[in-house]
PDB file of N, CA and C in Angstrom:
ATOM      1  N   UNK A   1     132.915  86.570 123.831  1.00  0.00           N
ATOM      2  CA  UNK A   1     132.433  87.078 122.626  1.00  0.00           C
ATOM      3  C   UNK A   1     133.737  88.066 122.442  1.00  0.00           C
ATOM      4  N   UNK A   2     133.797  88.210 121.257  1.00  0.00           N
ATOM      5  CA  UNK A   2     135.188  89.088 120.564  1.00  0.00           C
ATOM      6  C   UNK A   2     134.806  90.682 120.665  1.00  0.00           C
ATOM      7  N   UNK A   3     135.667  91.281 121.075  1.00  0.00           N
ATOM      8  CA  UNK A   3     135.345  92.736 120.836  1.00  0.00           C
ATOM      9  C   UNK A   3     135.572  93.424 119.707  1.00  0.00           C
ATOM     10  N   UNK A   4     134.398  94.179 119.149  1.00  0.00           N
ATOM     11  CA  UNK A   4     134.430  94.696 117.871  1.00  0.00           C
ATOM     12  C   UNK A   4     134.801  95.871 117.510  1.00  0.00           C
ATOM     13  N   UNK A   5     134.782  96.829 118.600  1.00  0.00           N
ATOM     14  CA  UNK A   5     135.205  98.282 118.522  1.00  0.00           C
ATOM     15  C   UNK A   5     135.601  98.856 119.824  1.00  0.00           C
ATOM     16  N   UNK A   6     135.971  99.836 119.998  1.00  0.00           N
ATOM     17  CA  UNK A   6     135.946 100.414 121.394  1.00  0.00           C
ATOM     18  C   UNK A   6     134.883 101.671 121.442  1.00  0.00           C
ATOM     19  N   UNK A   7     134.545 102.117 122.560  1.00  0.00           N
ATOM     20  CA  UNK A   7     133.488 102.888 122.694  1.00  0.00           C
ATOM     21  C   UNK A   7     133.633 103.798 124.025  1.00  0.00           C
ATOM     22  N   UNK A   8     133.230 104.899 124.102  1.00  0.00           N
ATOM     23  CA  UNK A   8     132.927 105.629 125.279  1.00  0.00           C
ATOM     24  C   UNK A   8     131.846 105.693 126.078  1.00  0.00           C
ATOM     25  N   UNK A   9     130.803 104.821 125.465  1.00  0.00           N
ATOM     26  CA  UNK A   9     129.410 104.861 125.970  1.00  0.00           C
ATOM     27  C   UNK A   9     129.213 104.694 127.372  1.00  0.00           C
ATOM     28  N   UNK A  10     130.215 103.587 128.074  1.00  0.00           N
ATOM     29  CA  UNK A  10     130.174 103.770 129.267  1.00  0.00           C
ATOM     30  C   UNK A  10     130.365 104.817 130.165  1.00  0.00           C
ATOM     31  N   UNK A  11     131.463 105.635 129.655  1.00  0.00           N
ATOM     32  CA  UNK A  11     131.805 106.949 130.378  1.00  0.00           C
ATOM     33  C   UNK A  11     131.054 107.882 130.351  1.00  0.00           C
ATOM     34  N   UNK A  12     130.275 107.909 129.281  1.00  0.00           N
ATOM     35  CA  UNK A  12     129.410 109.201 128.590  1.00  0.00           C
ATOM     36  C   UNK A  12     128.078 108.820 129.554  1.00  0.00           C
ATOM     37  N   UNK A  13     127.444 107.376 129.904  1.00  0.00           N
ATOM     38  CA  UNK A  13     126.357 107.094 130.421  1.00  0.00           C
ATOM     39  C   UNK A  13     126.846 107.289 131.956  1.00  0.00           C
ATOM     40  N   UNK A  14     127.940 106.985 132.571  1.00  0.00           N
ATOM     41  CA  UNK A  14     128.051 107.516 133.776  1.00  0.00           C
ATOM     42  C   UNK A  14     128.287 108.811 134.388  1.00  0.00           C
ATOM     43  N   UNK A  15     128.734 109.591 133.279  1.00  0.00           N
ATOM     44  CA  UNK A  15     129.113 110.963 133.564  1.00  0.00           C
ATOM     45  C   UNK A  15     127.804 111.846 133.804  1.00  0.00           C
ATOM     46  N   UNK A  16     126.718 111.123 133.235  1.00  0.00           N
ATOM     47  CA  UNK A  16     125.448 111.754 133.324  1.00  0.00           C
ATOM     48  C   UNK A  16     124.647 111.297 134.509  1.00  0.00           C
ATOM     49  N   UNK A  17     124.990 110.063 135.000  1.00  0.00           N
ATOM     50  CA  UNK A  17     124.434 109.598 136.291  1.00  0.00           C
ATOM     51  C   UNK A  17     123.097 108.769 135.625  1.00  0.00           C
ATOM     52  N   UNK A  18     123.517 107.984 134.637  1.00  0.00           N
ATOM     53  CA  UNK A  18     122.496 107.029 133.988  1.00  0.00           C
ATOM     54  C   UNK A  18     122.995 105.384 134.455  1.00  0.00           C
ATOM     55  N   UNK A  19     121.703 104.892 134.603  1.00  0.00           N
ATOM     56  CA  UNK A  19     122.104 103.271 134.783  1.00  0.00           C
ATOM     57  C   UNK A  19     121.858 102.823 133.384  1.00  0.00           C
ATOM     58  N   UNK A  20     122.323 101.458 133.191  1.00  0.00           N
ATOM     59  CA  UNK A  20     122.121 100.774 131.931  1.00  0.00           C
ATOM     60  C   UNK A  20     120.736 100.949 131.540  1.00  0.00           C
ATOM     61  N   UNK A  21     119.842 100.641 132.376  1.00  0.00           N
ATOM     62  CA  UNK A  21     118.697 100.580 132.327  1.00  0.00           C
ATOM     63  C   UNK A  21     117.788 101.867 132.135  1.00  0.00           C
ATOM     64  N   UNK A  22     118.289 102.821 132.619  1.00  0.00           N
ATOM     65  CA  UNK A  22     117.706 104.219 132.004  1.00  0.00           C
ATOM     66  C   UNK A  22     118.226 104.693 130.820  1.00  0.00           C
ATOM     67  N   UNK A  23     119.543 104.463 130.085  1.00  0.00           N
ATOM     68  CA  UNK A  23     119.887 104.661 128.782  1.00  0.00           C
ATOM     69  C   UNK A  23     119.120 103.741 127.777  1.00  0.00           C
ATOM     70  N   UNK A  24     118.935 102.573 128.323  1.00  0.00           N
ATOM     71  CA  UNK A  24     118.352 101.392 127.478  1.00  0.00           C
ATOM     72  C   UNK A  24     116.662 101.821 127.030  1.00  0.00           C
ATOM     73  N   UNK A  25     116.049 102.539 128.238  1.00  0.00           N
ATOM     74  CA  UNK A  25     114.751 102.894 128.128  1.00  0.00           C
ATOM     75  C   UNK A  25     114.772 104.175 127.214  1.00  0.00           C
ATOM     76  N   UNK A  26     115.600 104.985 127.196  1.00  0.00           N
ATOM     77  CA  UNK A  26     115.666 106.338 126.351  1.00  0.00           C
ATOM     78  C   UNK A  26     116.055 105.904 125.008  1.00  0.00           C
ATOM     79  N   UNK A  27     116.608 104.950 124.633  1.00  0.00           N
ATOM     80  CA  UNK A  27     116.596 104.656 123.481  1.00  0.00           C
ATOM     81  C   UNK A  27     115.888 103.510 122.443  1.00  0.00           C
ATOM     82  N   UNK A  28     115.217 102.877 123.605  1.00  0.00           N
ATOM     83  CA  UNK A  28     114.038 101.733 123.175  1.00  0.00           C
ATOM     84  C   UNK A  28     114.928 100.428 122.838  1.00  0.00           C
ATOM     85  N   UNK A  29     115.942 100.090 123.819  1.00  0.00           N
ATOM     86  CA  UNK A  29     116.318  98.971 123.494  1.00  0.00           C
ATOM     87  C   UNK A  29     116.314  98.147 125.180  1.00  0.00           C
ATOM     88  N   UNK A  30     116.528  96.603 125.067  1.00  0.00           N
ATOM     89  CA  UNK A  30     116.891  96.124 126.576  1.00  0.00           C
ATOM     90  C   UNK A  30     118.355  96.739 127.224  1.00  0.00           C
ATOM     91  N   UNK A  31     118.448  96.426 128.513  1.00  0.00           N
ATOM     92  CA  UNK A  31     119.451  96.761 129.124  1.00  0.00           C
ATOM     93  C   UNK A  31     120.702  95.816 128.527  1.00  0.00           C
ATOM     94  N   UNK A  32     120.544  94.642 128.343  1.00  0.00           N
ATOM     95  CA  UNK A  32     121.551  93.703 127.988  1.00  0.00           C
ATOM     96  C   UNK A  32     122.102  94.474 126.663  1.00  0.00           C
ATOM     97  N   UNK A  33     121.422  95.134 125.863  1.00  0.00           N
ATOM     98  CA  UNK A  33     121.963  95.615 124.626  1.00  0.00           C
ATOM     99  C   UNK A  33     122.954  96.499 125.120  1.00  0.00           C
ATOM    100  N   UNK A  34     122.561  97.391 126.093  1.00  0.00           N
ATOM    101  CA  UNK A  34     123.685  98.535 126.527  1.00  0.00           C
ATOM    102  C   UNK A  34     124.640  98.087 126.978  1.00  0.00           C
ATOM    103  N   UNK A  35     124.794  96.861 127.973  1.00  0.00           N
ATOM    104  CA  UNK A  35     125.842  96.259 128.524  1.00  0.00           C
ATOM    105  C   UNK A  35     126.708  95.578 127.129  1.00  0.00           C
ATOM    106  N   UNK A  36     126.518  95.100 126.117  1.00  0.00           N
ATOM    107  CA  UNK A  36     127.137  94.432 125.048  1.00  0.00           C
ATOM    108  C   UNK A  36     127.751  95.555 124.397  1.00  0.00           C
ATOM    109  N   UNK A  37     127.005  96.649 124.299  1.00  0.00           N
ATOM    110  CA  UNK A  37     127.601  97.857 123.514  1.00  0.00           C
ATOM    111  C   UNK A  37     128.624  98.362 124.361  1.00  0.00           C
ATOM    112  N   UNK A  38     128.688  98.660 125.523  1.00  0.00           N
ATOM    113  CA  UNK A  38     129.577  99.104 126.370  1.00  0.00           C
ATOM    114  C   UNK A  38     130.857  98.087 126.396  1.00  0.00           C
ATOM    115  N   UNK A  39     130.825  96.699 125.954  1.00  0.00           N
ATOM    116  CA  UNK A  39     131.915  96.090 126.021  1.00  0.00           C
ATOM    117  C   UNK A  39     132.461  96.208 124.356  1.00  0.00           C
ATOM    118  N   UNK A  40     132.012  96.692 123.732  1.00  0.00           N
ATOM    119  CA  UNK A  40     132.148  96.578 122.036  1.00  0.00           C
ATOM    120  C   UNK A  40     131.933  95.212 121.509  1.00  0.00           C
ATOM    121  N   UNK A  41     130.873  94.429 122.234  1.00  0.00           N
ATOM    122  CA  UNK A  41     130.733  92.806 121.646  1.00  0.00           C
ATOM    123  C   UNK A  41     129.531  92.895 120.916  1.00  0.00           C
ATOM    124  N   UNK A  42     128.783  94.157 120.509  1.00  0.00           N
ATOM    125  CA  UNK A  42     127.662  94.148 119.575  1.00  0.00           C
ATOM    126  C   UNK A  42     127.705  95.349 118.731  1.00  0.00           C
ATOM    127  N   UNK A  43     127.563  95.319 117.388  1.00  0.00           N
ATOM    128  CA  UNK A  43     127.623  96.310 116.605  1.00  0.00           C
ATOM    129  C   UNK A  43     126.098  96.825 116.458  1.00  0.00           C
ATOM    130  N   UNK A  44     126.205  98.441 116.936  1.00  0.00           N
ATOM    131  CA  UNK A  44     124.808  98.916 116.455  1.00  0.00           C
ATOM    132  C   UNK A  44     124.274  99.346 115.263  1.00  0.00           C
ATOM    133  N   UNK A  45     123.203  99.217 115.203  1.00  0.00           N
ATOM    134  CA  UNK A  45     122.550  99.742 114.026  1.00  0.00           C
ATOM    135  C   UNK A  45     122.935 101.263 113.723  1.00  0.00           C
ATOM    136  N   UNK A  46     122.839 101.770 112.333  1.00  0.00           N
ATOM    137  CA  UNK A  46     123.143 103.095 112.227  1.00  0.00           C
ATOM    138  C   UNK A  46     122.132 103.888 113.360  1.00  0.00           C
ATOM    139  N   UNK A  47     120.739 103.502 113.235  1.00  0.00           N
ATOM    140  CA  UNK A  47     119.937 104.323 113.871  1.00  0.00           C
ATOM    141  C   UNK A  47     120.038 104.535 115.196  1.00  0.00           C
ATOM    142  N   UNK A  48     120.758 103.163 115.722  1.00  0.00           N
ATOM    143  CA  UNK A  48     120.729 103.088 117.259  1.00  0.00           C
ATOM    144  C   UNK A  48     122.251 103.983 117.612  1.00  0.00           C
ATOM    145  N   UNK A  49     123.465 103.653 116.840  1.00  0.00           N
ATOM    146  CA  UNK A  49     124.126 104.891 117.099  1.00  0.00           C
ATOM    147  C   UNK A  49     123.909 106.193 117.067  1.00  0.00           C
ATOM    148  N   UNK A  50     123.288 106.574 115.964  1.00  0.00           N
ATOM    149  CA  UNK A  50     122.627 108.002 115.858  1.00  0.00           C
ATOM    150  C   UNK A  50     121.589 108.408 117.038  1.00  0.00           C
ATOM    151  N   UNK A  51     121.057 107.429 117.672  1.00  0.00           N
ATOM    152  CA  UNK A  51     120.209 107.905 118.806  1.00  0.00           C
ATOM    153  C   UNK A  51     120.812 108.034 119.785  1.00  0.00           C
ATOM    154  N   UNK A  52     121.876 107.130 120.156  1.00  0.00           N
ATOM    155  CA  UNK A  52     122.892 107.274 121.364  1.00  0.00           C
ATOM    156  C   UNK A  52     123.876 108.611 121.372  1.00  0.00           C
ATOM    157  N   UNK A  53     124.450 108.979 120.111  1.00  0.00           N
ATOM    158  CA  UNK A  53     125.128 110.040 119.702  1.00  0.00           C
ATOM    159  C   UNK A  53     124.323 111.495 119.995  1.00  0.00           C
ATOM    160  N   UNK A  54     123.190 111.505 119.510  1.00  0.00           N
ATOM    161  CA  UNK A  54     122.221 112.649 119.745  1.00  0.00           C
ATOM    162  C   UNK A  54     121.949 112.654 121.290  1.00  0.00           C
ATOM    163  N   UNK A  55     121.674 111.678 122.038  1.00  0.00           N
ATOM    164  CA  UNK A  55     121.126 111.805 123.053  1.00  0.00           C
ATOM    165  C   UNK A  55     122.586 112.525 124.257  1.00  0.00           C
ATOM    166  N   UNK A  56     123.723 111.836 123.925  1.00  0.00           N
ATOM    167  CA  UNK A  56     125.101 112.713 124.467  1.00  0.00           C
ATOM    168  C   UNK A  56     125.490 113.878 123.586  1.00  0.00           C
ATOM    169  N   UNK A  57     124.920 114.338 122.994  1.00  0.00           N
ATOM    170  CA  UNK A  57     125.290 115.279 121.975  1.00  0.00           C
ATOM    171  C   UNK A  57     126.817 115.356 121.422  1.00  0.00           C
ATOM    172  N   UNK A  58     127.041 114.218 121.179  1.00  0.00           N
ATOM    173  CA  UNK A  58     128.308 113.880 120.555  1.00  0.00           C
ATOM    174  C   UNK A  58     128.135 113.341 119.309  1.00  0.00           C
ATOM    175  N   UNK A  59     129.276 113.426 118.149  1.00  0.00           N
ATOM    176  CA  UNK A  59     129.452 112.826 116.999  1.00  0.00           C
ATOM    177  C   UNK A  59     129.434 111.435 117.216  1.00  0.00           C
ATOM    178  N   UNK A  60     128.828 110.647 116.282  1.00  0.00           N
ATOM    179  CA  UNK A  60     128.937 109.075 116.064  1.00  0.00           C
ATOM    180  C   UNK A  60     130.278 108.495 116.537  1.00  0.00           C
ATOM    181  N   UNK A  61     131.190 109.204 116.192  1.00  0.00           N
ATOM    182  CA  UNK A  61     132.615 108.475 116.178  1.00  0.00           C
ATOM    183  C   UNK A  61     133.604 109.003 117.506  1.00  0.00           C
ATOM    184  N   UNK A  62     132.498 109.587 118.226  1.00  0.00           N
ATOM    185  CA  UNK A  62     133.061 109.995 119.463  1.00  0.00           C
ATOM    186  C   UNK A  62     132.649 109.246 120.523  1.00  0.00           C
ATOM    187  N   UNK A  63     131.358 108.353 120.245  1.00  0.00           N
ATOM    188  CA  UNK A  63     130.937 107.362 121.093  1.00  0.00           C
ATOM    189  C   UNK A  63     131.337 105.847 120.665  1.00  0.00           C
ATOM    190  N   UNK A  64     131.406 105.678 119.331  1.00  0.00           N
ATOM    191  CA  UNK A  64     131.977 104.375 118.813  1.00  0.00           C
ATOM    192  C   UNK A  64     133.344 104.625 117.995  1.00  0.00           C
ATOM    193  N   UNK A  65     134.549 103.973 118.615  1.00  0.00           N
ATOM    194  CA  UNK A  65     135.548 104.247 117.717  1.00  0.00           C
ATOM    195  C   UNK A  65     135.967 102.927 117.081  1.00  0.00           C
ATOM    196  N   UNK A  66     135.969 103.071 115.815  1.00  0.00           N
ATOM    197  CA  UNK A  66     136.182 101.931 114.759  1.00  0.00           C
ATOM    198  C   UNK A  66     137.741 101.958 114.207  1.00  0.00           C
ATOM    199  N   UNK A  67     138.362 101.402 114.478  1.00  0.00           N
ATOM    200  CA  UNK A  67     139.721 101.508 113.965  1.00  0.00           C
ATOM    201  C   UNK A  67     139.827 100.738 112.626  1.00  0.00           C
ATOM    202  N   UNK A  68     140.491 101.410 111.546  1.00  0.00           N
ATOM    203  CA  UNK A  68     140.670 101.217 110.411  1.00  0.00           C
ATOM    204  C   UNK A  68     141.641  99.693 110.290  1.00  0.00           C
ATOM    205  N   UNK A  69     141.733  98.813 109.583  1.00  0.00           N
ATOM    206  CA  UNK A  69     142.367  97.703 109.539  1.00  0.00           C
ATOM    207  C   UNK A  69     143.677  98.285 109.031  1.00  0.00           C
ATOM    208  N   UNK A  70     144.958  97.626 109.368  1.00  0.00           N
ATOM    209  CA  UNK A  70     146.267  98.159 108.746  1.00  0.00           C
ATOM    210  C   UNK A  70     146.287  97.437 107.495  1.00  0.00           C
ATOM    211  N   UNK A  71     146.803  98.542 106.658  1.00  0.00           N
ATOM    212  CA  UNK A  71     147.164  98.100 105.263  1.00  0.00           C
ATOM    213  C   UNK A  71     148.302  97.159 105.191  1.00  0.00           C
ATOM    214  N   UNK A  72     148.134  96.001 104.178  1.00  0.00           N
ATOM    215  CA  UNK A  72     149.195  95.244 103.955  1.00  0.00           C
ATOM    216  C   UNK A  72     149.740  95.787 103.006  1.00  0.00           C
ATOM    217  N   UNK A  73     151.331  95.817 102.931  1.00  0.00           N
ATOM    218  CA  UNK A  73     152.582  96.355 101.883  1.00  0.00           C
ATOM    219  C   UNK A  73     152.462  95.601 100.828  1.00  0.00           C
TER     220      UNK A  73
END
């Protein structure tokens, strides 16, 4: 699968001693969703991104890093 974005999700999760299953249960998704998110292979809904950001006390853009496409001259 193609990587869609960069993410700090795994770092934030591990820093707090959470497993993928723990995190999934806290935000109401399955563990596989967390795994795909950590690899940047699944685009979260705005609602899910917001839940995760709130859980970690971070702005969404600190959890998920979306790079801007380069402008063509």
